[in-house]
Amino acid sequence: MSLYAIKPGFQGLLRPTVGLLADRGISANQLTVAALLLSVMGGGLLALWPGASWPLLLLPPILLARMALNAMDGMLAREHGQASPLGALLNELGDVLADLALYAPLALAPGVPGVAVAIFLALALVCEFAGVLGPLVGATRQYQGPMGKADRALWMGGLALALGFGAPGGAWTGALLGLASALLVISVIRRLRGSLREAQS
């Protein structure tokens, strides 16, 4: 199970907005860069005020906005003839950098174990790398969960929301991040297996 399964419905809600953006000359690459800048801003607020609740409460809406921008840049590329090699590179690199920018500062929040955040981020990078390996063996880009990009956003947004509303940090944050890391390992395995199955068929 992964939130990737609801992506078509999410895209359907955004399609009218995508049409308006295309009519106004907004490019897919501009939205990709905007999503990255938004992530850097959100992560910067967390890093500058690690003990404050309001940057944590801002994280979920920032994550939702980032997901919307990511979905719309792909729709502009595919449905409005804006696909390009530069766009593909920006999309993959932007996702990885946005994850780092948004989630790494959570290690500074009181009661959140930095080692657990570092392990989570390292496995998130491996997971995305496993996804882009597909074309190297003749398969497509792989998106299997249960801890894909949208799932990570929901997971970490929930963690930030709980801390922002006053839940004291402690062992539960490490356990939550540990479980997320275990789900990332499963995701890596599923993506690699998916690539191999597709290549062999």
N, C-alpha and C. Protein backbone atom coordinates (compact mmCIF):
# COMPACT_ATOMS: atom_id res chain seq x y z
N MET A 1 0.84 -1.19 0.00
CA MET A 1 0.00 0.00 0.00
C MET A 1 0.88 1.25 0.00
N SER A 2 0.47 2.23 -0.77
CA SER A 2 1.21 3.48 -0.85
C SER A 2 0.27 4.57 -1.31
N LEU A 3 0.55 5.79 -0.88
CA LEU A 3 -0.25 6.93 -1.33
C LEU A 3 -0.09 7.17 -2.83
N TYR A 4 0.93 6.55 -3.45
CA TYR A 4 1.10 6.68 -4.90
C TYR A 4 -0.15 6.20 -5.64
N ALA A 5 -0.90 5.30 -5.01
CA ALA A 5 -2.10 4.76 -5.65
C ALA A 5 -3.18 5.81 -5.86
N ILE A 6 -3.19 6.87 -5.04
CA ILE A 6 -4.22 7.89 -5.19
C ILE A 6 -3.75 9.05 -6.06
N LYS A 7 -2.55 8.92 -6.65
CA LYS A 7 -2.00 10.01 -7.46
C LYS A 7 -2.92 10.42 -8.62
N PRO A 8 -3.55 9.47 -9.35
CA PRO A 8 -4.42 9.90 -10.44
C PRO A 8 -5.58 10.79 -9.98
N GLY A 9 -6.16 10.46 -8.83
CA GLY A 9 -7.24 11.31 -8.32
C GLY A 9 -6.74 12.68 -7.92
N PHE A 10 -5.57 12.74 -7.31
CA PHE A 10 -4.96 14.01 -6.93
C PHE A 10 -4.67 14.85 -8.16
N GLN A 11 -4.17 14.20 -9.21
CA GLN A 11 -3.90 14.91 -10.45
C GLN A 11 -5.18 15.45 -11.08
N GLY A 12 -6.27 14.68 -10.96
CA GLY A 12 -7.54 15.14 -11.51
C GLY A 12 -8.00 16.43 -10.87
N LEU A 13 -7.79 16.56 -9.57
CA LEU A 13 -8.16 17.79 -8.87
C LEU A 13 -7.32 18.98 -9.33
N LEU A 14 -6.07 18.70 -9.69
CA LEU A 14 -5.14 19.77 -10.06
C LEU A 14 -5.19 20.13 -11.54
N ARG A 15 -5.83 19.30 -12.37
CA ARG A 15 -5.77 19.50 -13.83
C ARG A 15 -6.27 20.86 -14.28
N PRO A 16 -7.37 21.40 -13.73
CA PRO A 16 -7.78 22.74 -14.16
C PRO A 16 -6.72 23.80 -13.88
N THR A 17 -6.07 23.70 -12.72
CA THR A 17 -5.01 24.66 -12.37
C THR A 17 -3.83 24.50 -13.32
N VAL A 18 -3.50 23.27 -13.68
CA VAL A 18 -2.39 23.03 -14.60
C VAL A 18 -2.68 23.67 -15.95
N GLY A 19 -3.93 23.56 -16.41
CA GLY A 19 -4.29 24.20 -17.67
C GLY A 19 -4.11 25.71 -17.63
N LEU A 20 -4.50 26.32 -16.52
CA LEU A 20 -4.33 27.77 -16.37
C LEU A 20 -2.85 28.15 -16.37
N LEU A 21 -2.03 27.36 -15.67
CA LEU A 21 -0.60 27.64 -15.63
C LEU A 21 0.02 27.54 -17.02
N ALA A 22 -0.39 26.52 -17.78
CA ALA A 22 0.13 26.36 -19.14
C ALA A 22 -0.28 27.54 -20.02
N ASP A 23 -1.51 27.99 -19.87
CA ASP A 23 -1.99 29.13 -20.66
C ASP A 23 -1.20 30.40 -20.36
N ARG A 24 -0.68 30.50 -19.13
CA ARG A 24 0.06 31.70 -18.72
C ARG A 24 1.56 31.55 -18.90
N GLY A 25 1.96 30.48 -19.55
CA GLY A 25 3.37 30.31 -19.89
C GLY A 25 4.25 29.81 -18.76
N ILE A 26 3.63 29.28 -17.70
CA ILE A 26 4.42 28.72 -16.60
C ILE A 26 4.96 27.36 -17.03
N SER A 27 6.24 27.14 -16.83
CA SER A 27 6.85 25.89 -17.28
C SER A 27 6.93 24.86 -16.16
N ALA A 28 7.05 23.60 -16.56
CA ALA A 28 7.21 22.52 -15.59
C ALA A 28 8.47 22.71 -14.76
N ASN A 29 9.54 23.14 -15.40
CA ASN A 29 10.80 23.33 -14.68
C ASN A 29 10.70 24.43 -13.64
N GLN A 30 9.91 25.46 -13.92
CA GLN A 30 9.71 26.53 -12.93
C GLN A 30 9.01 25.99 -11.70
N LEU A 31 8.04 25.11 -11.88
CA LEU A 31 7.35 24.53 -10.73
C LEU A 31 8.28 23.60 -9.95
N THR A 32 9.14 22.87 -10.66
CA THR A 32 10.10 21.99 -9.99
C THR A 32 11.03 22.81 -9.09
N VAL A 33 11.54 23.91 -9.63
CA VAL A 33 12.43 24.78 -8.85
C VAL A 33 11.67 25.42 -7.69
N ALA A 34 10.40 25.81 -7.93
CA ALA A 34 9.59 26.41 -6.87
C ALA A 34 9.39 25.43 -5.72
N ALA A 35 9.16 24.16 -6.04
CA ALA A 35 8.98 23.14 -4.99
C ALA A 35 10.25 22.99 -4.16
N LEU A 36 11.40 23.04 -4.83
CA LEU A 36 12.66 22.93 -4.10
C LEU A 36 12.89 24.15 -3.21
N LEU A 37 12.63 25.34 -3.73
CA LEU A 37 12.83 26.55 -2.94
C LEU A 37 11.89 26.59 -1.74
N LEU A 38 10.65 26.13 -1.94
CA LEU A 38 9.70 26.06 -0.83
C LEU A 38 10.21 25.11 0.25
N SER A 39 10.77 23.99 -0.17
CA SER A 39 11.30 23.01 0.78
C SER A 39 12.49 23.58 1.55
N VAL A 40 13.37 24.28 0.85
CA VAL A 40 14.52 24.89 1.50
C VAL A 40 14.06 25.94 2.52
N MET A 41 13.04 26.70 2.16
CA MET A 41 12.50 27.70 3.08
C MET A 41 11.93 27.03 4.34
N GLY A 42 11.13 25.96 4.13
CA GLY A 42 10.54 25.26 5.27
C GLY A 42 11.60 24.64 6.17
N GLY A 43 12.60 24.02 5.55
CA GLY A 43 13.68 23.45 6.34
C GLY A 43 14.50 24.51 7.06
N GLY A 44 14.67 25.66 6.40
CA GLY A 44 15.41 26.75 7.03
C GLY A 44 14.72 27.27 8.28
N LEU A 45 13.38 27.35 8.22
CA LEU A 45 12.64 27.80 9.40
C LEU A 45 12.79 26.82 10.56
N LEU A 46 12.76 25.53 10.24
CA LEU A 46 12.95 24.51 11.28
C LEU A 46 14.35 24.60 11.89
N ALA A 47 15.35 24.87 11.04
CA ALA A 47 16.72 24.94 11.53
C ALA A 47 16.96 26.19 12.37
N LEU A 48 16.32 27.30 11.98
CA LEU A 48 16.54 28.56 12.70
C LEU A 48 15.80 28.60 14.03
N TRP A 49 14.64 27.95 14.11
CA TRP A 49 13.84 27.94 15.34
C TRP A 49 13.52 26.49 15.73
N PRO A 50 14.52 25.72 16.10
CA PRO A 50 14.31 24.28 16.37
C PRO A 50 13.42 23.99 17.57
N GLY A 51 13.33 24.92 18.49
CA GLY A 51 12.52 24.68 19.68
C GLY A 51 11.13 25.28 19.60
N ALA A 52 10.82 25.95 18.49
CA ALA A 52 9.51 26.61 18.35
C ALA A 52 8.51 25.66 17.71
N SER A 53 7.25 25.85 18.06
CA SER A 53 6.21 24.97 17.52
C SER A 53 5.73 25.41 16.14
N TRP A 54 5.75 26.71 15.85
CA TRP A 54 5.13 27.17 14.60
C TRP A 54 5.83 26.67 13.34
N PRO A 55 7.18 26.54 13.31
CA PRO A 55 7.77 25.94 12.09
C PRO A 55 7.36 24.49 11.89
N LEU A 56 7.17 23.77 13.00
CA LEU A 56 6.71 22.38 12.90
C LEU A 56 5.29 22.31 12.35
N LEU A 57 4.44 23.24 12.79
CA LEU A 57 3.06 23.26 12.31
C LEU A 57 2.97 23.71 10.86
N LEU A 58 3.99 24.44 10.39
CA LEU A 58 4.02 24.85 8.98
C LEU A 58 4.44 23.71 8.06
N LEU A 59 5.11 22.70 8.62
CA LEU A 59 5.66 21.64 7.77
C LEU A 59 4.59 20.88 6.99
N PRO A 60 3.48 20.44 7.59
CA PRO A 60 2.47 19.72 6.81
C PRO A 60 1.92 20.51 5.62
N PRO A 61 1.51 21.79 5.78
CA PRO A 61 1.04 22.51 4.58
C PRO A 61 2.14 22.72 3.55
N ILE A 62 3.39 22.88 3.99
CA ILE A 62 4.49 23.00 3.04
C ILE A 62 4.66 21.69 2.26
N LEU A 63 4.55 20.58 2.96
CA LEU A 63 4.65 19.28 2.30
C LEU A 63 3.51 19.08 1.30
N LEU A 64 2.30 19.50 1.66
CA LEU A 64 1.17 19.37 0.75
C LEU A 64 1.38 20.24 -0.49
N ALA A 65 1.86 21.47 -0.27
CA ALA A 65 2.13 22.36 -1.41
C ALA A 65 3.21 21.78 -2.30
N ARG A 66 4.23 21.19 -1.68
CA ARG A 66 5.30 20.57 -2.46
C ARG A 66 4.76 19.42 -3.30
N MET A 67 3.89 18.59 -2.71
CA MET A 67 3.31 17.48 -3.45
C MET A 67 2.49 17.98 -4.64
N ALA A 68 1.76 19.07 -4.42
CA ALA A 68 0.95 19.64 -5.50
C ALA A 68 1.85 20.17 -6.62
N LEU A 69 2.91 20.87 -6.27
CA LEU A 69 3.84 21.38 -7.28
C LEU A 69 4.50 20.24 -8.03
N ASN A 70 4.89 19.19 -7.31
CA ASN A 70 5.51 18.03 -7.96
C ASN A 70 4.54 17.36 -8.93
N ALA A 71 3.28 17.25 -8.53
CA ALA A 71 2.30 16.64 -9.42
C ALA A 71 2.05 17.51 -10.65
N MET A 72 1.97 18.82 -10.44
CA MET A 72 1.67 19.72 -11.55
C MET A 72 2.83 19.84 -12.53
N ASP A 73 4.07 19.77 -12.02
CA ASP A 73 5.18 19.86 -12.98
C ASP A 73 5.20 18.64 -13.90
N GLY A 74 4.87 17.48 -13.35
CA GLY A 74 4.79 16.29 -14.19
C GLY A 74 3.66 16.37 -15.20
N MET A 75 2.53 16.92 -14.80
CA MET A 75 1.40 17.05 -15.72
C MET A 75 1.70 18.05 -16.83
N LEU A 76 2.36 19.15 -16.48
CA LEU A 76 2.76 20.11 -17.51
C LEU A 76 3.71 19.46 -18.51
N ALA A 77 4.63 18.65 -18.00
CA ALA A 77 5.60 17.99 -18.88
C ALA A 77 4.91 17.00 -19.82
N ARG A 78 4.04 16.17 -19.27
CA ARG A 78 3.43 15.10 -20.07
C ARG A 78 2.28 15.59 -20.92
N GLU A 79 1.43 16.42 -20.36
CA GLU A 79 0.18 16.76 -21.03
C GLU A 79 0.24 18.06 -21.84
N HIS A 80 1.31 18.81 -21.65
CA HIS A 80 1.43 20.09 -22.38
C HIS A 80 2.75 20.20 -23.13
N GLY A 81 3.34 19.07 -23.44
CA GLY A 81 4.50 19.04 -24.31
C GLY A 81 5.74 19.72 -23.77
N GLN A 82 5.94 19.68 -22.44
CA GLN A 82 7.10 20.35 -21.86
C GLN A 82 8.17 19.38 -21.35
N ALA A 83 8.02 18.11 -21.67
CA ALA A 83 9.01 17.13 -21.22
C ALA A 83 10.36 17.42 -21.86
N SER A 84 11.42 17.29 -21.06
CA SER A 84 12.77 17.54 -21.56
C SER A 84 13.78 16.78 -20.69
N PRO A 85 14.97 16.51 -21.23
CA PRO A 85 16.00 15.87 -20.40
C PRO A 85 16.35 16.69 -19.17
N LEU A 86 16.42 18.02 -19.31
CA LEU A 86 16.71 18.87 -18.15
C LEU A 86 15.61 18.73 -17.11
N GLY A 87 14.37 18.69 -17.55
CA GLY A 87 13.27 18.56 -16.62
C GLY A 87 13.32 17.24 -15.86
N ALA A 88 13.68 16.16 -16.55
CA ALA A 88 13.77 14.86 -15.88
C ALA A 88 14.86 14.88 -14.81
N LEU A 89 15.99 15.48 -15.13
CA LEU A 89 17.08 15.57 -14.15
C LEU A 89 16.70 16.45 -12.97
N LEU A 90 16.08 17.59 -13.27
CA LEU A 90 15.65 18.50 -12.20
C LEU A 90 14.64 17.82 -11.29
N ASN A 91 13.74 17.05 -11.87
CA ASN A 91 12.70 16.41 -11.09
C ASN A 91 13.29 15.42 -10.09
N GLU A 92 14.19 14.56 -10.56
CA GLU A 92 14.78 13.55 -9.67
C GLU A 92 15.68 14.20 -8.62
N LEU A 93 16.53 15.13 -9.05
CA LEU A 93 17.44 15.78 -8.11
C LEU A 93 16.68 16.66 -7.13
N GLY A 94 15.65 17.35 -7.62
CA GLY A 94 14.85 18.22 -6.77
C GLY A 94 14.16 17.46 -5.66
N ASP A 95 13.66 16.27 -5.96
CA ASP A 95 12.99 15.46 -4.94
C ASP A 95 13.94 15.09 -3.81
N VAL A 96 15.14 14.67 -4.19
CA VAL A 96 16.13 14.25 -3.18
C VAL A 96 16.55 15.44 -2.32
N LEU A 97 16.85 16.57 -2.96
CA LEU A 97 17.29 17.75 -2.22
C LEU A 97 16.17 18.29 -1.33
N ALA A 98 14.94 18.23 -1.82
CA ALA A 98 13.81 18.71 -1.02
C ALA A 98 13.62 17.86 0.23
N ASP A 99 13.76 16.54 0.09
CA ASP A 99 13.68 15.66 1.26
C ASP A 99 14.74 16.02 2.29
N LEU A 100 15.97 16.21 1.83
CA LEU A 100 17.05 16.57 2.74
C LEU A 100 16.78 17.90 3.43
N ALA A 101 16.33 18.88 2.65
CA ALA A 101 16.11 20.22 3.20
C ALA A 101 14.99 20.22 4.24
N LEU A 102 13.94 19.44 4.00
CA LEU A 102 12.78 19.47 4.89
C LEU A 102 12.94 18.61 6.13
N TYR A 103 13.58 17.45 5.98
CA TYR A 103 13.56 16.49 7.07
C TYR A 103 14.81 16.54 7.94
N ALA A 104 15.96 16.91 7.39
CA ALA A 104 17.18 16.94 8.19
C ALA A 104 17.07 17.87 9.40
N PRO A 105 16.45 19.06 9.28
CA PRO A 105 16.35 19.94 10.45
C PRO A 105 15.50 19.39 11.59
N LEU A 106 14.70 18.35 11.33
CA LEU A 106 13.92 17.75 12.42
C LEU A 106 14.84 17.14 13.47
N ALA A 107 16.08 16.83 13.07
CA ALA A 107 17.03 16.28 14.03
C ALA A 107 17.38 17.30 15.11
N LEU A 108 17.11 18.58 14.86
CA LEU A 108 17.41 19.63 15.84
C LEU A 108 16.27 19.84 16.83
N ALA A 109 15.10 19.27 16.54
CA ALA A 109 13.95 19.45 17.43
C ALA A 109 14.19 18.70 18.74
N PRO A 110 13.81 19.29 19.85
CA PRO A 110 14.02 18.62 21.16
C PRO A 110 13.36 17.25 21.22
N GLY A 111 14.12 16.27 21.66
CA GLY A 111 13.57 14.93 21.83
C GLY A 111 13.53 14.09 20.58
N VAL A 112 14.07 14.58 19.47
CA VAL A 112 14.11 13.79 18.23
C VAL A 112 15.54 13.30 18.03
N PRO A 113 15.77 11.99 17.99
CA PRO A 113 17.14 11.47 17.87
C PRO A 113 17.73 11.75 16.49
N GLY A 114 18.83 12.46 16.46
CA GLY A 114 19.46 12.82 15.20
C GLY A 114 19.91 11.61 14.40
N VAL A 115 20.38 10.56 15.08
CA VAL A 115 20.82 9.35 14.39
C VAL A 115 19.67 8.70 13.64
N ALA A 116 18.49 8.68 14.26
CA ALA A 116 17.33 8.08 13.61
C ALA A 116 16.92 8.88 12.37
N VAL A 117 17.01 10.21 12.46
CA VAL A 117 16.71 11.06 11.30
C VAL A 117 17.71 10.80 10.19
N ALA A 118 19.01 10.68 10.54
CA ALA A 118 20.06 10.44 9.56
C ALA A 118 19.86 9.10 8.85
N ILE A 119 19.50 8.06 9.61
CA ILE A 119 19.25 6.75 9.00
C ILE A 119 18.06 6.82 8.06
N PHE A 120 17.00 7.49 8.51
CA PHE A 120 15.80 7.64 7.67
C PHE A 120 16.16 8.33 6.36
N LEU A 121 16.93 9.42 6.43
CA LEU A 121 17.28 10.16 5.23
C LEU A 121 18.18 9.34 4.30
N ALA A 122 19.13 8.62 4.88
CA ALA A 122 20.01 7.79 4.06
C ALA A 122 19.21 6.73 3.31
N LEU A 123 18.26 6.10 4.00
CA LEU A 123 17.44 5.08 3.34
C LEU A 123 16.49 5.70 2.33
N ALA A 124 16.02 6.93 2.58
CA ALA A 124 15.18 7.62 1.60
C ALA A 124 15.95 7.87 0.31
N LEU A 125 17.22 8.24 0.44
CA LEU A 125 18.07 8.44 -0.74
C LEU A 125 18.26 7.13 -1.50
N VAL A 126 18.51 6.05 -0.76
CA VAL A 126 18.68 4.74 -1.39
C VAL A 126 17.39 4.32 -2.09
N CYS A 127 16.27 4.61 -1.47
CA CYS A 127 14.97 4.25 -2.05
C CYS A 127 14.75 4.96 -3.39
N GLU A 128 15.05 6.25 -3.43
CA GLU A 128 14.89 6.97 -4.69
C GLU A 128 15.88 6.49 -5.73
N PHE A 129 17.11 6.18 -5.30
CA PHE A 129 18.11 5.65 -6.22
C PHE A 129 17.66 4.31 -6.80
N ALA A 130 17.07 3.47 -5.94
CA ALA A 130 16.56 2.18 -6.41
C ALA A 130 15.47 2.38 -7.45
N GLY A 131 14.68 3.46 -7.30
CA GLY A 131 13.63 3.73 -8.26
C GLY A 131 14.16 4.12 -9.63
N VAL A 132 15.22 4.95 -9.64
CA VAL A 132 15.73 5.44 -10.93
C VAL A 132 16.65 4.41 -11.61
N LEU A 133 16.98 3.31 -10.92
CA LEU A 133 17.81 2.28 -11.54
C LEU A 133 17.05 1.48 -12.60
N GLY A 134 15.74 1.52 -12.54
CA GLY A 134 14.94 0.74 -13.48
C GLY A 134 15.36 0.87 -14.94
N PRO A 135 15.43 2.10 -15.46
CA PRO A 135 15.80 2.25 -16.87
C PRO A 135 17.17 1.68 -17.23
N LEU A 136 18.06 1.53 -16.26
CA LEU A 136 19.38 0.97 -16.55
C LEU A 136 19.32 -0.50 -16.95
N VAL A 137 18.24 -1.19 -16.54
CA VAL A 137 18.11 -2.61 -16.88
C VAL A 137 16.95 -2.83 -17.85
N GLY A 138 16.50 -1.76 -18.48
CA GLY A 138 15.43 -1.89 -19.46
C GLY A 138 14.03 -1.85 -18.90
N ALA A 139 13.89 -1.42 -17.65
CA ALA A 139 12.58 -1.30 -17.02
C ALA A 139 12.21 0.18 -16.93
N THR A 140 11.05 0.46 -16.35
CA THR A 140 10.63 1.84 -16.16
C THR A 140 11.04 2.32 -14.77
N ARG A 141 10.88 3.59 -14.54
CA ARG A 141 11.11 4.17 -13.21
C ARG A 141 10.16 3.50 -12.23
N GLN A 142 10.68 3.07 -11.08
CA GLN A 142 9.88 2.33 -10.11
C GLN A 142 9.42 3.24 -8.96
N TYR A 143 8.17 3.04 -8.52
CA TYR A 143 7.60 3.90 -7.48
C TYR A 143 7.00 3.11 -6.31
N GLN A 144 7.30 1.83 -6.20
CA GLN A 144 6.66 1.01 -5.17
C GLN A 144 6.91 1.56 -3.76
N GLY A 145 5.89 1.36 -2.91
CA GLY A 145 6.00 1.72 -1.50
C GLY A 145 6.39 0.50 -0.70
N PRO A 146 6.10 0.54 0.58
CA PRO A 146 5.13 1.39 1.29
C PRO A 146 5.65 2.73 1.80
N MET A 147 6.87 3.14 1.41
CA MET A 147 7.38 4.40 1.93
C MET A 147 7.97 5.21 0.78
N GLY A 148 7.08 5.56 -0.18
CA GLY A 148 7.47 6.42 -1.28
C GLY A 148 7.49 7.88 -0.85
N LYS A 149 7.66 8.75 -1.82
CA LYS A 149 7.79 10.17 -1.51
C LYS A 149 6.57 10.72 -0.78
N ALA A 150 5.37 10.43 -1.28
CA ALA A 150 4.16 10.94 -0.64
C ALA A 150 3.96 10.31 0.73
N ASP A 151 4.31 9.04 0.86
CA ASP A 151 4.19 8.36 2.16
C ASP A 151 5.13 8.98 3.19
N ARG A 152 6.34 9.31 2.74
CA ARG A 152 7.29 9.97 3.65
C ARG A 152 6.77 11.33 4.09
N ALA A 153 6.14 12.04 3.16
CA ALA A 153 5.59 13.35 3.50
C ALA A 153 4.50 13.22 4.56
N LEU A 154 3.62 12.24 4.39
CA LEU A 154 2.56 12.03 5.37
C LEU A 154 3.14 11.63 6.72
N TRP A 155 4.12 10.75 6.71
CA TRP A 155 4.74 10.24 7.94
C TRP A 155 5.43 11.36 8.71
N MET A 156 6.29 12.11 8.00
CA MET A 156 7.06 13.16 8.66
C MET A 156 6.19 14.37 8.98
N GLY A 157 5.18 14.63 8.16
CA GLY A 157 4.24 15.70 8.47
C GLY A 157 3.46 15.40 9.73
N GLY A 158 3.09 14.12 9.91
CA GLY A 158 2.40 13.73 11.14
C GLY A 158 3.29 13.87 12.37
N LEU A 159 4.55 13.51 12.22
CA LEU A 159 5.51 13.66 13.32
C LEU A 159 5.65 15.13 13.70
N ALA A 160 5.83 15.99 12.69
CA ALA A 160 5.98 17.42 12.95
C ALA A 160 4.72 18.00 13.58
N LEU A 161 3.56 17.53 13.12
CA LEU A 161 2.30 18.04 13.66
C LEU A 161 2.17 17.69 15.14
N ALA A 162 2.50 16.45 15.48
CA ALA A 162 2.41 16.03 16.88
C ALA A 162 3.35 16.86 17.76
N LEU A 163 4.57 17.06 17.30
CA LEU A 163 5.52 17.86 18.07
C LEU A 163 5.07 19.32 18.15
N GLY A 164 4.53 19.83 17.04
CA GLY A 164 4.08 21.22 17.02
C GLY A 164 2.93 21.49 17.95
N PHE A 165 2.08 20.48 18.17
CA PHE A 165 0.95 20.65 19.07
C PHE A 165 1.31 20.31 20.52
N GLY A 166 2.60 20.11 20.77
CA GLY A 166 3.04 19.99 22.15
C GLY A 166 3.38 18.61 22.65
N ALA A 167 3.33 17.60 21.79
CA ALA A 167 3.71 16.26 22.25
C ALA A 167 5.19 16.27 22.61
N PRO A 168 5.56 15.83 23.79
CA PRO A 168 6.98 15.86 24.17
C PRO A 168 7.78 14.84 23.37
N GLY A 169 8.93 15.28 22.87
CA GLY A 169 9.79 14.35 22.17
C GLY A 169 10.31 13.30 23.12
N GLY A 170 10.70 12.18 22.54
CA GLY A 170 11.20 11.10 23.39
C GLY A 170 11.35 9.82 22.60
N ALA A 171 11.23 8.70 23.28
CA ALA A 171 11.46 7.40 22.65
C ALA A 171 10.50 7.15 21.49
N TRP A 172 9.29 7.69 21.58
CA TRP A 172 8.31 7.42 20.52
C TRP A 172 8.75 7.97 19.18
N THR A 173 9.50 9.10 19.19
CA THR A 173 9.95 9.66 17.91
C THR A 173 10.98 8.73 17.26
N GLY A 174 11.89 8.17 18.08
CA GLY A 174 12.85 7.23 17.55
C GLY A 174 12.19 5.97 17.02
N ALA A 175 11.15 5.50 17.74
CA ALA A 175 10.43 4.31 17.29
C ALA A 175 9.71 4.57 15.97
N LEU A 176 9.11 5.77 15.86
CA LEU A 176 8.39 6.12 14.63
C LEU A 176 9.35 6.20 13.45
N LEU A 177 10.51 6.82 13.67
CA LEU A 177 11.50 6.92 12.60
C LEU A 177 12.10 5.55 12.28
N GLY A 178 12.25 4.71 13.29
CA GLY A 178 12.75 3.36 13.06
C GLY A 178 11.79 2.55 12.21
N LEU A 179 10.50 2.67 12.48
CA LEU A 179 9.50 1.96 11.68
C LEU A 179 9.51 2.48 10.25
N ALA A 180 9.60 3.80 10.10
CA ALA A 180 9.66 4.38 8.75
C ALA A 180 10.88 3.87 8.00
N SER A 181 12.01 3.74 8.69
CA SER A 181 13.22 3.23 8.05
C SER A 181 13.04 1.78 7.62
N ALA A 182 12.39 0.98 8.46
CA ALA A 182 12.12 -0.41 8.09
C ALA A 182 11.24 -0.48 6.84
N LEU A 183 10.25 0.40 6.76
CA LEU A 183 9.37 0.43 5.58
C LEU A 183 10.14 0.91 4.34
N LEU A 184 11.14 1.76 4.54
CA LEU A 184 11.98 2.18 3.42
C LEU A 184 12.80 1.00 2.88
N VAL A 185 13.30 0.16 3.78
CA VAL A 185 14.04 -1.02 3.33
C VAL A 185 13.14 -1.91 2.48
N ILE A 186 11.90 -2.09 2.92
CA ILE A 186 10.95 -2.89 2.14
C ILE A 186 10.71 -2.24 0.78
N SER A 187 10.60 -0.93 0.77
CA SER A 187 10.38 -0.21 -0.49
C SER A 187 11.54 -0.39 -1.45
N VAL A 188 12.76 -0.32 -0.93
CA VAL A 188 13.95 -0.54 -1.77
C VAL A 188 13.90 -1.92 -2.40
N ILE A 189 13.61 -2.93 -1.60
CA ILE A 189 13.56 -4.30 -2.11
C ILE A 189 12.48 -4.44 -3.17
N ARG A 190 11.32 -3.86 -2.92
CA ARG A 190 10.22 -3.97 -3.88
C ARG A 190 10.56 -3.26 -5.19
N ARG A 191 11.24 -2.13 -5.11
CA ARG A 191 11.60 -1.41 -6.33
C ARG A 191 12.64 -2.19 -7.15
N LEU A 192 13.60 -2.75 -6.48
CA LEU A 192 14.61 -3.55 -7.20
C LEU A 192 13.97 -4.78 -7.82
N ARG A 193 13.11 -5.45 -7.08
CA ARG A 193 12.43 -6.62 -7.62
C ARG A 193 11.53 -6.24 -8.79
N GLY A 194 10.87 -5.08 -8.68
CA GLY A 194 10.01 -4.63 -9.77
C GLY A 194 10.80 -4.39 -11.04
N SER A 195 11.98 -3.78 -10.91
CA SER A 195 12.83 -3.55 -12.07
C SER A 195 13.27 -4.87 -12.70
N LEU A 196 13.66 -5.82 -11.86
CA LEU A 196 14.13 -7.10 -12.39
C LEU A 196 13.01 -7.87 -13.08
N ARG A 197 11.83 -7.88 -12.46
CA ARG A 197 10.70 -8.58 -13.08
C ARG A 197 10.35 -7.96 -14.43
N GLU A 198 10.32 -6.63 -14.48
CA GLU A 198 9.96 -5.94 -15.71
C GLU A 198 11.01 -6.18 -16.79
N ALA A 199 12.28 -6.15 -16.40
CA ALA A 199 13.35 -6.36 -17.36
C ALA A 199 13.34 -7.79 -17.92
N GLN A 200 13.05 -8.75 -17.05
CA GLN A 200 13.05 -10.16 -17.49
C GLN A 200 11.85 -10.50 -18.36
N SER A 201 10.77 -9.72 -18.21
CA SER A 201 9.58 -10.01 -19.02
C SER A 201 9.65 -9.35 -20.38
